[in-house]
Amino acid sequence: MELMEITFRYRTTLAVILNLMALGLSCTALLSTYWCEGTQKVPKPLCSKEKTAKCIGLPPHAENTNASSTNTVQYNWETGDDRFAFRYFHTGMWYSCEENIIGTGEKCRSFIDLTPLAERGILWLSLVSEVIYISLLILSFGLMLIEIFCSGNPVCGLKLSAFSAVSSVLSGLLGMVAHMMYSQVFQVTVTMGPEDWRPHNWDYGWAFYMAWASFTSCMASSVTTLNTYTKLALAFKRNQKLYEQGLKESQCFLNPKELGYYRGQHVRSVSQGVDFYSELQRKVLLRDSTIDPDDTSESIGDEHC
């Protein structure tokens, strides 16, 4: 029995660790702007004192210095792809940040504003699903912690295992749907987004893979929790058979009214069965402790039960 309790505690602890890992990965991915990254093909800016690289240089003025500046012709020998620069960008669920090729640093724009109008509903649905996914992970994490602290109560442990398993499964499904919807929205935005934003080439970033790693950890936690609940249910059924066998053997110690009462009871759930058979075992043990051994041997000799 102690080995079984240690195994259940180990499984519950493993489920808590996996759930906490999924929660941390999902929160990091949601707040990150590195779901997708790549380069954008944009015209080179004019060179200046601050900008001397990846720019279009101006040739010296015409030899006639007396000519007015309005009549001066400037020539640019940049042709083909030499006229363009490749600007780095990275995008998340909330913002899209681009390299500032004129100065230093980055400039960010709302990704919702860049999304086509027909896809904004799907993007909002993806964001809501992601938030609910994280909320269910927090709920499941709390239930698992309570299950660890209430491990001495079998009824409480069974109920908490069931609720935490359902929460984990639902959160995993919502997370999967959210990630797939965001991928669809981004691919449509690449094709139909603003001209000055459309990527030249792109790929998924580390936050995207982190989000799917969170989904994997969430499903592993839910499977572990379901396995724990199944083990508890099977252990209950085994104990139920032992109690029924003990009930048959203790018919000599129970009066007909109590025996008829216990036989007439119907167990409708696992938790109800734990309460019922625990009460039965307690009464049988109490009756055994109050019976005189000499009287018991005489009664057994007279009546073979």
Protein backbone atom coordinates (compact mmCIF):
# COMPACT_ATOMS: atom_id res chain seq x y z
CA MET A 1 0.00 0.00 0.00
CA GLU A 2 2.85 2.37 0.81
CA LEU A 3 4.53 1.56 -2.51
CA MET A 4 1.30 2.40 -4.32
CA GLU A 5 1.02 5.74 -2.52
CA ILE A 6 4.63 6.57 -3.41
CA THR A 7 3.93 5.73 -7.07
CA PHE A 8 0.82 7.93 -7.14
CA ARG A 9 2.72 10.80 -5.52
CA TYR A 10 5.53 10.40 -8.06
CA ARG A 11 3.10 10.48 -10.97
CA THR A 12 1.32 13.53 -9.59
CA THR A 13 4.62 15.35 -9.10
CA LEU A 14 5.65 14.53 -12.67
CA ALA A 15 2.33 15.88 -13.97
CA VAL A 16 2.83 19.10 -11.98
CA ILE A 17 6.33 19.60 -13.42
CA LEU A 18 5.11 19.04 -16.99
CA ASN A 19 2.18 21.39 -16.44
CA LEU A 20 4.44 24.10 -15.01
CA MET A 21 6.80 23.71 -17.96
CA ALA A 22 3.91 24.07 -20.41
CA LEU A 23 2.68 27.16 -18.56
CA GLY A 24 6.08 28.87 -18.64
CA LEU A 25 6.68 28.10 -22.32
CA SER A 26 3.22 29.30 -23.38
CA CYS A 27 3.48 32.59 -21.46
CA THR A 28 6.93 33.29 -22.93
CA ALA A 29 5.74 32.53 -26.46
CA LEU A 30 2.61 34.68 -26.11
CA LEU A 31 4.59 37.75 -25.06
CA SER A 32 7.36 37.22 -27.61
CA THR A 33 7.64 38.79 -31.09
CA TYR A 34 9.69 35.93 -32.58
CA TRP A 35 6.97 33.64 -33.87
CA CYS A 36 8.10 34.35 -37.44
CA GLU A 37 11.22 36.13 -38.71
CA GLY A 38 12.84 36.93 -42.04
CA THR A 39 13.81 39.76 -44.37
CA GLN A 40 11.92 42.41 -46.31
CA LYS A 41 13.11 43.84 -49.65
CA VAL A 42 13.02 47.66 -49.47
CA PRO A 43 14.66 50.48 -51.52
CA LYS A 44 18.00 51.70 -50.18
CA PRO A 45 17.90 55.10 -48.46
CA LEU A 46 20.11 58.00 -49.52
CA CYS A 47 23.49 58.15 -47.87
CA SER A 48 24.08 60.76 -45.20
CA LYS A 49 26.54 61.51 -42.42
CA GLU A 50 24.71 59.09 -40.14
CA LYS A 51 24.07 56.48 -42.83
CA THR A 52 27.12 55.44 -44.85
CA ALA A 53 26.48 51.73 -45.53
CA LYS A 54 23.67 49.99 -47.44
CA CYS A 55 22.60 53.30 -49.00
CA ILE A 56 22.59 55.08 -52.36
CA GLY A 57 25.52 57.50 -52.67
CA LEU A 58 25.22 60.84 -54.49
CA PRO A 59 27.88 61.57 -57.20
CA PRO A 60 29.73 64.90 -57.19
CA HIS A 61 28.04 67.86 -58.84
CA ALA A 62 28.60 68.73 -62.45
CA GLU A 63 31.84 70.40 -63.40
CA ASN A 64 30.03 73.69 -64.01
CA THR A 65 29.97 74.99 -60.46
CA ASN A 66 28.22 78.15 -61.60
CA ALA A 67 25.12 76.17 -62.50
CA SER A 68 22.26 76.49 -60.09
CA SER A 69 21.42 73.56 -57.87
CA THR A 70 18.03 73.12 -59.52
CA ASN A 71 19.69 72.45 -62.88
CA THR A 72 22.26 70.05 -61.50
CA VAL A 73 21.68 66.46 -62.66
CA GLN A 74 22.49 63.69 -60.22
CA TYR A 75 23.24 60.23 -61.54
CA ASN A 76 22.68 56.95 -59.75
CA TRP A 77 24.50 53.91 -61.08
CA GLU A 78 22.63 51.47 -58.80
CA THR A 79 20.62 49.06 -60.97
CA GLY A 80 18.70 45.83 -60.41
CA ASP A 81 18.91 44.37 -56.94
CA ASP A 82 21.64 46.83 -56.02
CA ARG A 83 18.92 49.44 -55.50
CA PHE A 84 17.35 47.38 -52.70
CA ALA A 85 18.31 46.43 -49.16
CA PHE A 86 17.11 43.47 -47.14
CA ARG A 87 15.61 44.57 -43.84
CA TYR A 88 15.36 42.09 -40.95
CA PHE A 89 11.99 41.72 -39.18
CA HIS A 90 10.36 39.49 -36.55
CA THR A 91 6.65 39.11 -35.78
CA GLY A 92 4.58 37.84 -32.87
CA MET A 93 0.91 37.68 -32.04
CA TRP A 94 0.81 41.32 -30.94
CA TYR A 95 3.57 43.26 -32.72
CA SER A 96 5.78 43.15 -35.80
CA CYS A 97 9.21 44.78 -35.36
CA GLU A 98 11.47 45.81 -38.25
CA GLU A 99 15.06 46.92 -38.52
CA ASN A 100 15.45 50.67 -38.92
CA ILE A 101 17.70 50.95 -41.98
CA ILE A 102 17.87 54.75 -41.76
CA GLY A 103 18.99 54.94 -38.15
CA THR A 104 19.56 52.54 -35.30
CA GLY A 105 17.24 50.28 -33.34
CA GLU A 106 13.89 48.88 -34.43
CA LYS A 107 10.41 50.18 -35.09
CA CYS A 108 7.38 48.11 -34.21
CA ARG A 109 3.84 48.09 -35.56
CA SER A 110 0.72 46.32 -34.37
CA PHE A 111 0.35 43.02 -36.16
CA ILE A 112 -3.43 43.30 -35.87
CA ASP A 113 -3.31 46.47 -38.01
CA LEU A 114 -1.19 44.67 -40.63
CA THR A 115 -3.60 41.76 -40.89
CA PRO A 116 -6.23 41.91 -43.68
CA LEU A 117 -9.73 42.74 -42.48
CA ALA A 118 -11.05 39.32 -43.49
CA GLU A 119 -8.50 37.61 -41.20
CA ARG A 120 -8.71 39.81 -38.12
CA GLY A 121 -11.59 37.79 -36.66
CA ILE A 122 -9.51 34.61 -36.87
CA LEU A 123 -6.54 36.40 -35.28
CA TRP A 124 -8.68 37.62 -32.37
CA LEU A 125 -10.08 34.11 -31.95
CA SER A 126 -6.53 32.78 -31.87
CA LEU A 127 -5.56 35.30 -29.18
CA VAL A 128 -8.62 34.45 -27.06
CA SER A 129 -7.92 30.72 -27.40
CA GLU A 130 -4.32 31.29 -26.33
CA VAL A 131 -5.42 33.21 -23.22
CA ILE A 132 -7.97 30.50 -22.30
CA TYR A 133 -5.28 27.88 -22.90
CA ILE A 134 -3.01 29.57 -20.35
CA SER A 135 -5.91 30.04 -17.91
CA LEU A 136 -6.79 26.33 -18.01
CA LEU A 137 -3.14 25.47 -17.48
CA ILE A 138 -3.14 27.63 -14.34
CA LEU A 139 -6.35 25.95 -13.14
CA SER A 140 -4.94 22.49 -13.76
CA PHE A 141 -1.71 23.41 -11.98
CA GLY A 142 -3.66 24.57 -8.93
CA LEU A 143 -5.74 21.39 -8.82
CA MET A 144 -2.63 19.24 -9.00
CA LEU A 145 -1.04 21.12 -6.12
CA ILE A 146 -4.17 20.65 -4.02
CA GLU A 147 -4.14 16.94 -4.91
CA ILE A 148 -0.61 16.62 -3.54
CA PHE A 149 -1.54 18.26 -0.24
CA CYS A 150 -4.80 16.24 0.03
CA SER A 151 -3.22 12.90 -0.80
CA GLY A 152 -4.46 11.41 2.49
CA ASN A 153 -8.10 11.69 1.39
CA PRO A 154 -8.83 9.15 -1.42
CA VAL A 155 -12.15 10.76 -2.39
CA CYS A 156 -10.56 14.18 -2.72
CA GLY A 157 -7.65 12.73 -4.69
CA LEU A 158 -9.92 10.98 -7.19
CA LYS A 159 -12.03 14.06 -7.83
CA LEU A 160 -9.03 16.36 -8.20
CA SER A 161 -7.32 13.91 -10.58
CA ALA A 162 -10.41 13.82 -12.78
CA PHE A 163 -10.86 17.61 -12.87
CA SER A 164 -7.17 18.33 -13.49
CA ALA A 165 -7.04 15.75 -16.31
CA VAL A 166 -10.08 17.30 -18.04
CA SER A 167 -8.61 20.80 -17.67
CA SER A 168 -5.28 19.69 -19.13
CA VAL A 169 -6.88 17.99 -22.13
CA LEU A 170 -9.11 20.98 -22.90
CA SER A 171 -6.21 23.42 -22.58
CA GLY A 172 -4.06 21.34 -24.91
CA LEU A 173 -6.76 21.25 -27.58
CA LEU A 174 -7.30 25.02 -27.34
CA GLY A 175 -3.56 25.64 -27.59
CA MET A 176 -3.28 23.50 -30.70
CA VAL A 177 -6.17 25.34 -32.36
CA ALA A 178 -4.69 28.75 -31.43
CA HIS A 179 -1.28 27.93 -32.93
CA MET A 180 -2.78 26.61 -36.15
CA MET A 181 -5.04 29.65 -36.58
CA TYR A 182 -2.14 32.05 -36.09
CA SER A 183 -0.09 30.20 -38.73
CA GLN A 184 -2.97 30.55 -41.19
CA VAL A 185 -3.39 34.27 -40.46
CA PHE A 186 0.33 34.98 -40.89
CA GLN A 187 0.52 33.16 -44.23
CA VAL A 188 -2.44 35.15 -45.54
CA THR A 189 -0.88 38.40 -44.29
CA VAL A 190 2.35 37.56 -46.13
CA THR A 191 0.39 37.45 -49.39
CA MET A 192 -2.23 40.16 -48.84
CA GLY A 193 -0.59 42.43 -46.25
CA PRO A 194 0.69 46.00 -46.81
CA GLU A 195 3.22 46.49 -49.61
CA ASP A 196 5.85 47.95 -47.31
CA TRP A 197 5.64 44.98 -44.96
CA ARG A 198 5.42 41.87 -47.15
CA PRO A 199 8.43 39.61 -46.46
CA HIS A 200 10.96 38.66 -49.13
CA ASN A 201 11.62 35.39 -47.27
CA TRP A 202 10.64 34.18 -43.82
CA ASP A 203 10.64 31.22 -41.49
CA TYR A 204 9.21 30.29 -38.11
CA GLY A 205 11.10 31.60 -35.08
CA TRP A 206 11.99 30.13 -31.70
CA ALA A 207 8.76 31.34 -30.06
CA PHE A 208 6.69 29.29 -32.52
CA TYR A 209 8.57 26.11 -31.64
CA MET A 210 8.35 27.03 -27.96
CA ALA A 211 4.56 27.26 -28.26
CA TRP A 212 4.37 23.76 -29.74
CA ALA A 213 6.74 22.47 -27.05
CA SER A 214 4.28 23.91 -24.52
CA PHE A 215 1.45 21.98 -26.19
CA THR A 216 3.52 18.77 -26.05
CA SER A 217 4.23 19.25 -22.34
CA CYS A 218 0.57 19.98 -21.67
CA MET A 219 -0.59 16.79 -23.36
CA ALA A 220 2.08 14.75 -21.55
CA SER A 221 0.83 16.20 -18.26
CA SER A 222 -2.77 15.33 -19.12
CA VAL A 223 -1.84 11.76 -20.08
CA THR A 224 0.06 11.35 -16.81
CA THR A 225 -2.90 12.68 -14.82
CA LEU A 226 -5.34 10.39 -16.63
CA ASN A 227 -3.04 7.45 -15.97
CA THR A 228 -2.99 8.34 -12.27
CA TYR A 229 -6.78 8.51 -12.17
CA THR A 230 -7.05 5.16 -13.95
CA LYS A 231 -4.66 3.54 -11.49
CA LEU A 232 -6.69 4.91 -8.58
CA ALA A 233 -9.93 3.62 -10.09
CA LEU A 234 -8.47 0.15 -10.66
CA ALA A 235 -7.13 0.07 -7.10
CA PHE A 236 -10.59 1.00 -5.84
CA LYS A 237 -12.20 -1.83 -7.81
CA ARG A 238 -9.68 -4.28 -6.40
CA ASN A 239 -10.38 -3.05 -2.87
CA GLN A 240 -14.10 -3.26 -3.58
CA LYS A 241 -13.78 -6.97 -4.37
CA LEU A 242 -11.79 -7.51 -1.20
CA TYR A 243 -14.44 -5.70 0.84
CA GLU A 244 -17.22 -7.78 -0.72
CA GLN A 245 -15.29 -10.93 0.07
CA GLY A 246 -14.76 -9.71 3.62
CA LEU A 247 -18.48 -8.93 3.85
CA LYS A 248 -19.36 -12.53 3.02
CA GLU A 249 -16.92 -13.79 5.63
CA SER A 250 -18.28 -11.39 8.27
CA GLN A 251 -21.94 -12.38 7.93
CA CYS A 252 -21.66 -14.09 11.32
CA PHE A 253 -20.77 -10.77 12.98
CA LEU A 254 -23.39 -8.53 11.36
CA ASN A 255 -27.03 -8.70 12.27
CA PRO A 256 -29.55 -9.30 9.47
CA LYS A 257 -30.68 -5.65 9.36
CA GLU A 258 -27.18 -4.26 8.78
CA LEU A 259 -26.40 -7.03 6.27
CA GLY A 260 -29.54 -6.26 4.29
CA TYR A 261 -28.71 -2.54 4.33
CA TYR A 262 -25.23 -2.99 2.86
CA ARG A 263 -26.42 -5.45 0.25
CA GLY A 264 -29.15 -3.05 -0.86
CA GLN A 265 -26.73 -0.16 -1.43
CA HIS A 266 -25.79 0.67 -5.06
CA VAL A 267 -22.49 2.43 -5.72
CA ARG A 268 -22.97 5.04 -8.44
CA SER A 269 -19.50 6.59 -8.47
CA VAL A 270 -15.94 5.92 -7.42
CA SER A 271 -15.99 8.51 -4.65
CA GLN A 272 -19.29 7.21 -3.29
CA GLY A 273 -17.88 3.70 -3.33
CA VAL A 274 -14.86 4.75 -1.32
CA ASP A 275 -17.11 6.29 1.34
CA PHE A 276 -19.46 3.29 1.40
CA TYR A 277 -16.84 0.57 1.70
CA SER A 278 -14.76 2.58 4.15
CA GLU A 279 -17.80 2.83 6.43
CA LEU A 280 -18.47 -0.89 6.03
CA GLN A 281 -14.91 -1.83 6.88
CA ARG A 282 -14.95 0.44 9.94
CA LYS A 283 -18.14 -1.15 11.28
CA VAL A 284 -16.85 -4.68 10.70
CA LEU A 285 -13.59 -3.95 12.49
CA LEU A 286 -15.47 -2.28 15.33
CA ARG A 287 -17.75 -5.31 15.69
CA ASP A 288 -14.75 -7.66 15.62
CA SER A 289 -13.06 -5.76 18.44
CA THR A 290 -16.16 -5.91 20.68
CA ILE A 291 -16.80 -9.67 20.31
CA ASP A 292 -15.39 -12.01 22.92
CA PRO A 293 -13.07 -14.66 21.33
CA ASP A 294 -14.60 -17.48 23.44
CA ASP A 295 -18.09 -16.58 22.30
CA THR A 296 -16.87 -16.38 18.71
CA SER A 297 -15.36 -19.86 18.80
CA GLU A 298 -18.54 -21.29 20.30
CA SER A 299 -20.75 -19.60 17.72
CA ILE A 300 -18.54 -20.76 14.88
CA GLY A 301 -18.67 -24.25 16.23
CA ASP A 302 -22.43 -24.21 16.37
CA GLU A 303 -23.01 -22.47 13.05
CA HIS A 304 -20.66 -22.86 10.11
CA CYS A 305 -20.92 -19.45 8.35
